[in-house]
Protein backbone atom coordinates (compact mmCIF):
# COMPACT_ATOMS: atom_id res chain seq x y z
CA UNK A 1 26.91 -56.11 11.40
CA UNK A 2 30.03 -57.51 9.90
CA UNK A 3 33.41 -57.84 11.63
CA UNK A 4 34.68 -55.12 9.54
CA UNK A 5 31.95 -52.80 10.51
CA UNK A 6 32.49 -53.47 14.15
CA UNK A 7 36.05 -52.57 13.81
CA UNK A 8 35.12 -49.27 12.12
CA UNK A 9 32.59 -48.58 14.99
CA UNK A 10 35.22 -49.29 17.52
CA UNK A 11 37.73 -46.74 15.77
CA UNK A 12 34.98 -44.11 15.74
CA UNK A 13 34.11 -44.60 19.24
CA UNK A 14 37.64 -44.10 20.44
CA UNK A 15 38.64 -41.24 17.95
CA UNK A 16 35.52 -39.00 17.99
CA UNK A 17 35.66 -38.30 21.73
CA UNK A 18 39.23 -37.06 21.29
CA UNK A 19 37.97 -34.67 18.57
CA UNK A 20 35.30 -33.25 20.86
CA UNK A 21 32.54 -34.48 18.49
CA UNK A 22 29.49 -36.66 18.41
CA UNK A 23 28.35 -38.39 15.16
CA UNK A 24 25.36 -40.31 13.92
CA UNK A 25 25.38 -41.96 10.53
CA UNK A 26 22.39 -42.85 8.41
CA UNK A 27 21.80 -44.62 5.09
CA UNK A 28 19.83 -43.06 2.13
CA UNK A 29 16.55 -44.29 3.84
CA UNK A 30 17.28 -42.51 7.07
CA UNK A 31 18.00 -45.86 8.95
CA UNK A 32 20.69 -45.40 11.59
CA UNK A 33 24.02 -47.15 10.99
CA UNK A 34 26.08 -45.75 13.88
CA UNK A 35 25.64 -43.18 16.66
CA UNK A 36 27.81 -42.08 19.57
CA UNK A 37 25.48 -39.24 20.72
CA UNK A 38 25.25 -39.91 24.39
CA UNK A 39 22.23 -37.65 25.26
CA UNK A 40 19.23 -39.70 24.56
CA UNK A 41 17.04 -36.68 23.71
CA UNK A 42 19.65 -35.28 21.27
CA UNK A 43 20.08 -38.80 19.76
CA UNK A 44 16.26 -39.09 19.19
CA UNK A 45 16.01 -35.55 17.80
CA UNK A 46 18.77 -36.25 15.20
CA UNK A 47 17.11 -39.58 14.27
CA UNK A 48 13.76 -37.95 13.78
CA UNK A 49 15.38 -35.23 11.60
CA UNK A 50 17.20 -37.99 9.54
CA UNK A 51 13.93 -39.92 9.05
CA UNK A 52 11.75 -36.83 8.14
CA UNK A 53 14.12 -34.42 6.55
CA UNK A 54 17.08 -36.28 5.14
CA UNK A 55 16.17 -35.89 1.35
CA UNK A 56 15.89 -32.07 1.87
CA UNK A 57 19.09 -31.54 3.82
CA UNK A 58 21.93 -30.11 1.95
CA UNK A 59 25.38 -31.67 1.73
CA UNK A 60 27.90 -29.49 3.66
CA UNK A 61 25.28 -27.39 5.34
CA UNK A 62 24.04 -26.91 9.00
CA UNK A 63 20.58 -27.07 10.38
CA UNK A 64 19.20 -26.16 13.68
CA UNK A 65 17.42 -28.67 15.95
CA UNK A 66 15.39 -27.80 19.13
CA UNK A 67 15.42 -30.26 21.87
CA UNK A 68 14.39 -30.00 25.57
CA UNK A 69 15.18 -26.32 25.90
CA UNK A 70 18.43 -26.52 23.95
CA UNK A 71 19.34 -25.80 20.21
CA UNK A 72 21.82 -27.72 18.31
CA UNK A 73 23.76 -26.81 15.21
CA UNK A 74 23.96 -30.01 13.27
CA UNK A 75 26.67 -30.49 10.55
CA UNK A 76 25.70 -32.56 7.57
CA UNK A 77 28.14 -34.47 5.15
CA UNK A 78 27.38 -36.94 2.52
CA UNK A 79 29.77 -39.66 1.13
CA UNK A 80 29.50 -42.54 -1.35
CA UNK A 81 30.27 -45.96 0.11
CA UNK A 82 29.72 -48.97 -1.96
CA UNK A 83 27.41 -47.19 -4.49
CA UNK A 84 25.16 -45.90 -1.56
CA UNK A 85 24.89 -42.46 -0.09
CA UNK A 86 25.68 -42.31 3.50
CA UNK A 87 24.80 -39.18 5.62
CA UNK A 88 27.12 -38.25 8.46
CA UNK A 89 25.45 -35.90 11.08
CA UNK A 90 28.07 -34.36 13.50
CA UNK A 91 27.53 -32.14 16.47
CA UNK A 92 30.18 -30.71 18.71
CA UNK A 93 29.29 -29.94 22.46
CA UNK A 94 30.10 -26.18 21.94
CA UNK A 95 27.49 -26.07 19.19
CA UNK A 96 24.65 -26.86 21.62
CA UNK A 97 23.04 -23.83 23.16
CA UNK A 98 20.51 -23.19 25.88
CA UNK A 99 17.38 -21.50 24.36
CA UNK A 100 17.41 -17.82 25.37
CA UNK A 101 14.53 -15.24 25.06
CA UNK A 102 15.36 -12.84 22.17
CA UNK A 103 17.94 -15.01 20.53
CA UNK A 104 16.34 -17.46 18.04
CA UNK A 105 18.21 -20.02 15.90
CA UNK A 106 16.32 -21.17 12.80
CA UNK A 107 17.05 -23.24 9.64
CA UNK A 108 15.79 -22.32 6.27
CA UNK A 109 12.50 -24.10 6.69
CA UNK A 110 11.78 -22.17 9.82
CA UNK A 111 12.59 -18.86 8.22
CA UNK A 112 10.41 -19.83 5.31
CA UNK A 113 7.41 -20.65 7.70
CA UNK A 114 7.85 -17.24 9.55
CA UNK A 115 7.99 -15.24 6.34
CA UNK A 116 5.03 -17.03 4.69
CA UNK A 117 2.92 -16.32 7.82
CA UNK A 118 3.83 -12.51 8.03
CA UNK A 119 1.82 -9.85 6.45
CA UNK A 120 4.44 -9.10 3.95
CA UNK A 121 4.71 -12.79 2.98
CA UNK A 122 0.91 -13.10 2.50
CA UNK A 123 0.36 -9.86 0.46
CA UNK A 124 3.61 -9.54 -1.41
CA UNK A 125 4.64 -13.15 -2.02
CA UNK A 126 8.35 -13.19 -3.08
CA UNK A 127 8.61 -9.92 -4.99
CA UNK A 128 12.03 -8.84 -6.33
CA UNK A 129 14.32 -7.26 -3.67
CA UNK A 130 16.24 -4.14 -4.60
CA UNK A 131 19.17 -4.93 -6.92
CA UNK A 132 21.36 -2.76 -4.93
CA UNK A 133 20.40 -4.46 -1.67
CA UNK A 134 20.70 -7.91 -3.09
CA UNK A 135 24.24 -7.01 -4.45
CA UNK A 136 25.30 -5.54 -1.18
CA UNK A 137 24.25 -8.77 0.60
CA UNK A 138 25.96 -11.04 -2.01
CA UNK A 139 29.30 -9.25 -1.54
CA UNK A 140 29.21 -9.67 2.12
CA UNK A 141 28.61 -6.12 3.23
CA UNK A 142 27.14 -5.39 6.69
CA UNK A 143 23.59 -4.20 5.98
CA UNK A 144 21.57 -1.77 8.05
CA UNK A 145 17.78 -1.92 7.45
CA UNK A 146 16.05 1.29 8.50
CA UNK A 147 12.80 2.85 8.17
CA UNK A 148 9.46 3.51 9.89
CA UNK A 149 8.03 1.00 12.44
CA UNK A 150 5.93 -1.70 10.62
CA UNK A 151 7.78 -1.59 7.27
CA UNK A 152 8.58 -5.33 7.37
CA UNK A 153 12.37 -5.01 7.97
CA UNK A 154 12.51 -8.48 9.42
CA UNK A 155 10.91 -9.96 6.39
CA UNK A 156 13.33 -8.19 4.09
CA UNK A 157 16.11 -9.90 6.07
CA UNK A 158 14.37 -13.12 5.83
CA UNK A 159 14.03 -12.89 2.06
CA UNK A 160 17.86 -11.90 1.74
CA UNK A 161 18.67 -14.95 3.72
CA UNK A 162 16.24 -17.42 1.80
CA UNK A 163 17.43 -16.16 -1.63
CA UNK A 164 21.12 -16.01 -0.80
CA UNK A 165 23.96 -18.33 -0.69
CA UNK A 166 23.86 -18.79 3.06
CA UNK A 167 20.42 -20.46 3.14
CA UNK A 168 21.98 -23.77 3.95
CA UNK A 169 23.45 -22.32 7.12
CA UNK A 170 21.43 -21.28 10.32
CA UNK A 171 19.75 -17.79 10.64
CA UNK A 172 20.08 -16.25 14.06
CA UNK A 173 17.63 -13.66 14.92
CA UNK A 174 18.66 -11.36 17.94
CA UNK A 175 15.72 -9.13 19.07
CA UNK A 176 17.07 -6.29 21.24
CA UNK A 177 13.42 -5.51 22.22
CA UNK A 178 13.15 -9.03 23.86
CA UNK A 179 16.50 -9.25 25.56
CA UNK A 180 16.60 -9.11 29.31
CA UNK A 181 19.74 -7.67 31.08
CA UNK A 182 20.97 -11.21 31.74
CA UNK A 183 20.61 -12.19 28.06
CA UNK A 184 22.16 -8.85 26.92
CA UNK A 185 25.28 -9.89 29.08
CA UNK A 186 25.38 -13.33 27.56
CA UNK A 187 25.04 -11.80 23.93
CA UNK A 188 28.21 -9.52 24.37
CA UNK A 189 30.29 -11.86 26.56
CA UNK A 190 29.11 -15.53 26.38
CA UNK A 191 31.74 -17.74 24.84
CA UNK A 192 28.87 -19.43 22.69
CA UNK A 193 27.01 -16.17 21.91
CA UNK A 194 26.14 -15.84 18.14
CA UNK A 195 28.57 -12.82 18.11
CA UNK A 196 31.48 -15.41 18.54
CA UNK A 197 30.22 -17.96 16.07
CA UNK A 198 31.20 -18.70 12.39
CA UNK A 199 29.31 -18.93 9.16
CA UNK A 200 25.75 -17.74 10.32
CA UNK A 201 23.45 -15.15 8.96
CA UNK A 202 23.08 -12.97 12.02
CA UNK A 203 20.12 -10.59 12.11
CA UNK A 204 19.97 -8.08 14.96
CA UNK A 205 16.68 -6.07 15.15
CA UNK A 206 15.39 -3.27 17.41
CA UNK A 207 18.65 -1.45 17.64
CA UNK A 208 16.72 1.90 18.04
CA UNK A 209 15.94 0.96 21.61
CA UNK A 210 19.52 0.62 22.76
CA UNK A 211 21.01 3.10 25.15
CA UNK A 212 24.25 4.83 24.24
CA UNK A 213 26.38 2.69 26.66
CA UNK A 214 24.91 -0.44 25.01
CA UNK A 215 25.60 0.88 21.54
CA UNK A 216 29.16 1.42 22.39
CA UNK A 217 29.36 -2.08 24.06
CA UNK A 218 27.85 -3.76 21.05
CA UNK A 219 30.01 -1.99 18.55
CA UNK A 220 33.13 -2.72 20.54
CA UNK A 221 32.33 -6.42 20.82
CA UNK A 222 31.45 -6.69 17.07
CA UNK A 223 34.71 -5.07 16.06
CA UNK A 224 36.77 -7.14 18.43
CA UNK A 225 35.10 -10.47 17.40
CA UNK A 226 35.31 -9.58 13.70
CA UNK A 227 31.77 -10.97 13.57
CA UNK A 228 31.04 -9.23 10.25
CA UNK A 229 33.98 -10.81 8.53
CA UNK A 230 33.04 -14.32 9.65
CA UNK A 231 29.20 -14.20 9.06
CA UNK A 232 26.55 -12.44 7.06
CA UNK A 233 25.32 -9.60 9.27
CA UNK A 234 22.12 -7.82 8.95
CA UNK A 235 20.95 -5.17 11.32
CA UNK A 236 17.66 -3.23 11.73
CA UNK A 237 16.14 -0.35 13.73
CA UNK A 238 13.21 1.85 13.55
CA UNK A 239 13.38 5.43 12.62
CA UNK A 240 12.52 7.98 15.43
CA UNK A 241 8.85 8.93 14.94
CA UNK A 242 8.79 12.14 13.00
CA UNK A 243 12.49 12.69 13.32
CA UNK A 244 14.16 10.27 10.93
CA UNK A 245 17.05 8.05 11.68
CA UNK A 246 17.36 7.14 15.47
CA UNK A 247 20.68 8.20 17.15
CA UNK A 248 21.46 4.46 18.07
CA UNK A 249 20.89 3.27 14.49
CA UNK A 250 23.03 6.09 13.03
CA UNK A 251 25.90 5.45 15.37
CA UNK A 252 26.06 1.62 14.66
CA UNK A 253 25.61 2.18 10.87
CA UNK A 254 28.53 4.52 10.94
CA UNK A 255 30.78 2.54 13.25
CA UNK A 256 30.32 -0.64 11.25
CA UNK A 257 30.42 0.95 7.75
CA UNK A 258 26.95 -0.49 6.98
CA UNK A 259 25.30 -0.50 3.56
CA UNK A 260 22.07 1.35 4.52
CA UNK A 261 18.77 0.34 3.02
CA UNK A 262 15.56 2.29 4.04
CA UNK A 263 12.49 0.12 3.90
CA UNK A 264 9.59 1.73 1.78
CA UNK A 265 6.60 2.94 3.81
CA UNK A 266 3.38 1.39 2.73
CA UNK A 267 1.84 4.81 1.83
CA UNK A 268 4.51 5.21 -0.94
CA UNK A 269 3.47 1.91 -2.44
CA UNK A 270 0.78 1.41 -5.23
CA UNK A 271 -1.94 -1.18 -4.99
CA UNK A 272 -2.72 -1.15 -1.18
CA UNK A 273 -6.38 -1.80 -1.83
CA UNK A 274 -5.19 -5.12 -3.64
CA UNK A 275 -2.97 -5.79 -0.66
CA UNK A 276 -6.01 -5.51 1.68
CA UNK A 277 -8.07 -7.63 -0.52
CA UNK A 278 -5.34 -10.23 -0.61
CA UNK A 279 -5.17 -10.43 3.12
CA UNK A 280 -8.95 -10.67 3.24
CA UNK A 281 -8.89 -13.55 0.99
CA UNK A 282 -6.18 -15.25 2.99
CA UNK A 283 -8.42 -14.87 6.10
CA UNK A 284 -11.41 -16.31 4.28
CA UNK A 285 -9.43 -19.37 2.99
CA UNK A 286 -8.05 -19.97 6.47
CA UNK A 287 -11.62 -19.97 7.97
CA UNK A 288 -13.25 -21.67 4.94
CA UNK A 289 -15.88 -18.92 4.50
CA UNK A 290 -16.81 -16.80 1.62
CA UNK A 291 -14.51 -13.98 0.75
CA UNK A 292 -15.94 -10.52 1.14
CA UNK A 293 -15.76 -8.24 -1.95
CA UNK A 294 -14.73 -4.62 -1.99
CA UNK A 295 -16.59 -2.22 -4.31
CA UNK A 296 -14.81 0.37 -6.36
CA UNK A 297 -15.32 3.18 -3.92
CA UNK A 298 -14.01 1.10 -1.09
CA UNK A 299 -10.92 0.25 -3.09
CA UNK A 300 -10.41 3.86 -3.80
CA UNK A 301 -10.67 4.86 -0.06
CA UNK A 302 -8.09 2.29 0.80
CA UNK A 303 -5.79 3.39 -2.02
CA UNK A 304 -5.72 7.01 -0.79
CA UNK A 305 -5.25 6.14 2.91
CA UNK A 306 -1.95 7.18 4.53
CA UNK A 307 -1.31 3.85 6.39
CA UNK A 308 0.85 5.54 9.19
CA UNK A 309 1.57 2.19 10.87
CA UNK A 310 2.40 0.50 7.62
CA UNK A 311 1.98 -3.44 7.31
CA UNK A 312 0.93 -3.70 11.03
CA UNK A 313 -2.08 -1.31 10.15
CA UNK A 314 -2.78 -2.92 6.91
CA UNK A 315 -3.30 -6.21 8.64
CA UNK A 316 -5.56 -4.66 11.41
CA UNK A 317 -7.67 -2.87 8.76
CA UNK A 318 -8.20 -6.02 6.70
CA UNK A 319 -9.05 -8.09 9.71
CA UNK A 320 -11.65 -5.48 10.91
CA UNK A 321 -13.15 -5.22 7.45
CA UNK A 322 -13.31 -8.99 7.18
CA UNK A 323 -15.02 -9.26 10.59
CA UNK A 324 -17.56 -6.39 9.87
CA UNK A 325 -18.33 -7.65 6.41
CA UNK A 326 -19.15 -11.17 7.61
CA UNK A 327 -18.87 -12.53 4.13
CA UNK A 328 -20.90 -9.69 2.40
CA UNK A 329 -19.84 -6.69 0.35
CA UNK A 330 -17.60 -4.08 1.66
CA UNK A 331 -18.54 -0.50 0.60
CA UNK A 332 -16.91 2.91 1.05
CA UNK A 333 -18.94 3.76 4.16
CA UNK A 334 -17.67 0.49 5.83
CA UNK A 335 -14.01 1.34 5.01
CA UNK A 336 -14.60 4.83 6.28
CA UNK A 337 -15.93 3.70 9.56
CA UNK A 338 -12.85 1.24 10.19
CA UNK A 339 -10.48 4.11 9.09
CA UNK A 340 -11.96 6.31 11.63
CA UNK A 341 -11.40 3.75 14.36
CA UNK A 342 -7.81 3.58 13.08
CA UNK A 343 -7.39 7.39 13.37
CA UNK A 344 -8.79 7.30 16.89
CA UNK A 345 -6.49 4.39 17.95
CA UNK A 346 -3.46 6.13 16.45
CA UNK A 347 -4.16 9.29 18.31
CA UNK A 348 -4.68 7.37 21.54
CA UNK A 349 -1.45 5.50 21.14
CA UNK A 350 0.80 8.28 19.65
CA UNK A 351 -0.85 11.28 21.40
CA UNK A 352 0.98 13.51 23.79
CA UNK A 353 2.80 11.63 26.58
CA UNK A 354 3.37 14.41 29.18
CA UNK A 355 1.65 15.17 32.48
CA UNK A 356 -0.82 17.31 30.71
CA UNK A 357 -1.49 14.96 27.89
CA UNK A 358 -4.81 13.22 27.06
CA UNK A 359 -3.54 9.76 27.59
CA UNK A 360 -0.55 10.03 29.88
CA UNK A 361 0.68 6.43 30.13
CA UNK A 362 0.96 6.52 34.04
CA UNK A 363 -2.60 7.26 34.55
CA UNK A 364 -4.76 4.66 36.21
CA UNK A 365 -6.51 2.37 33.66
CA UNK A 366 -10.06 3.63 34.55
CA UNK A 367 -8.91 7.31 33.93
CA UNK A 368 -7.45 6.26 30.57
CA UNK A 369 -10.79 4.55 29.63
CA UNK A 370 -12.68 7.80 30.41
CA UNK A 371 -9.99 9.83 28.42
CA UNK A 372 -10.42 7.55 25.38
CA UNK A 373 -14.23 7.79 25.54
CA UNK A 374 -14.13 11.58 25.62
CA UNK A 375 -11.64 11.60 22.75
CA UNK A 376 -13.77 9.42 20.53
CA UNK A 377 -16.92 11.41 21.30
CA UNK A 378 -15.16 14.66 20.42
CA UNK A 379 -13.93 13.15 17.19
CA UNK A 380 -17.41 12.08 16.14
CA UNK A 381 -18.95 15.45 16.86
CA UNK A 382 -20.80 14.35 20.04
CA UNK A 383 -22.66 11.52 18.42
CA UNK A 384 -23.03 9.13 21.46
CA UNK A 385 -24.56 6.38 19.58
CA UNK A 386 -21.75 6.30 17.00
CA UNK A 387 -19.08 6.68 19.75
CA UNK A 388 -20.42 3.58 21.56
CA UNK A 389 -20.36 1.58 18.46
CA UNK A 390 -16.68 2.60 17.63
CA UNK A 391 -15.74 1.70 21.22
CA UNK A 392 -17.68 -1.56 21.25
CA UNK A 393 -19.59 -0.57 24.41
CA UNK A 394 -23.23 0.15 25.22
CA UNK A 395 -24.60 3.77 25.51
CA UNK A 396 -25.12 3.17 29.12
CA UNK A 397 -21.41 2.29 29.73
CA UNK A 398 -20.52 5.38 27.57
CA UNK A 399 -22.71 7.62 29.65
CA UNK A 400 -21.16 6.19 32.93
CA UNK A 401 -17.62 6.84 31.58
CA UNK A 402 -18.55 10.38 30.58
CA UNK A 403 -20.27 11.00 33.85
CA UNK A 404 -17.09 9.78 35.77
CA UNK A 405 -14.98 12.02 33.50
CA UNK A 406 -17.08 15.10 34.45
CA UNK A 407 -17.03 14.17 38.29
CA UNK A 408 -13.20 13.66 38.14
CA UNK A 409 -12.73 17.15 36.82
CA UNK A 410 -15.10 18.76 39.40
CA UNK A 411 -18.10 19.04 37.01
CA UNK A 412 -21.38 17.37 38.05
């Protein structure tokens, strides 16, 4: 290091603390030229990033690094010095956050990985988004993604981010379904909460589960912090089963003047048999086995199925067909058996949840097992052999469950 460089380092060391900032500088090959990052773990994480990801990082952007239970927003600037490109990585203490369940910071690489691994990413690839949705996002509108459960609203948000002009900035996913009471308080009042940050893509999902007091609190904070003017904001919530838009989602969409987009249910799409085949092919490639083939009748059965649980169910059906086929052909009878299991599961999950219901959720587990066994047997017209196969148990176990069910109701 020359005397001139030592003087520059001395100036940086004295000035940067006054600016409340830590900096690391690297040459074009990722070699460290200077660093005043005091935390050893943070410094090592930044150095690894520079070594591995420097060519892919964008000038003027921010990226997210995870390190020892913390996440850092790293600002990146490039300058030309003596014909060489020098990269300056800067982090301010208030841009280092403790990792919190339900609040996930990602960069574009992380979002890309999540999308590619999702059912929608596997079966749809990078299909065109609705022009109206893309236009609303690009003009900075606050967007509310609504629709049935399982319609890949999170993947729509990820695609908007990846294909938009904020992809060089962090993507922050707040999942209301995963937030504890403590994390909720942090979200609406913490000084380093994403609701009080700038230049992010902020995606808040699961809004349908919020109580009315929480809806009011969230809307108030979002208004007062002007978060929608300082960030790209995407919101999402499931429709109420059989009742359309949930009350919480409707209130938030109206209060924040959202551009509303309703995700398309899978049953309204064409080519669902092809989607199932695509997912089966993905499983076969991942496990390095032969891909099972669907015959024409099997495709027709899948094409006409209603897919009440959307992409979630499409994945489950594809996985079951893949397992049952074991590399062989898949015919209509195999599809029919798998879809029968799906209808049983759906009835068991979405059936009546009152004290008189078949599967009241507060019943003991053993009693629920007996109720499911009885339900499956009734659905299959009393065929005990077929019922045992569907349930994945032996006829003896099924007989015991049914006997216990009769005894529990006073019938011997």
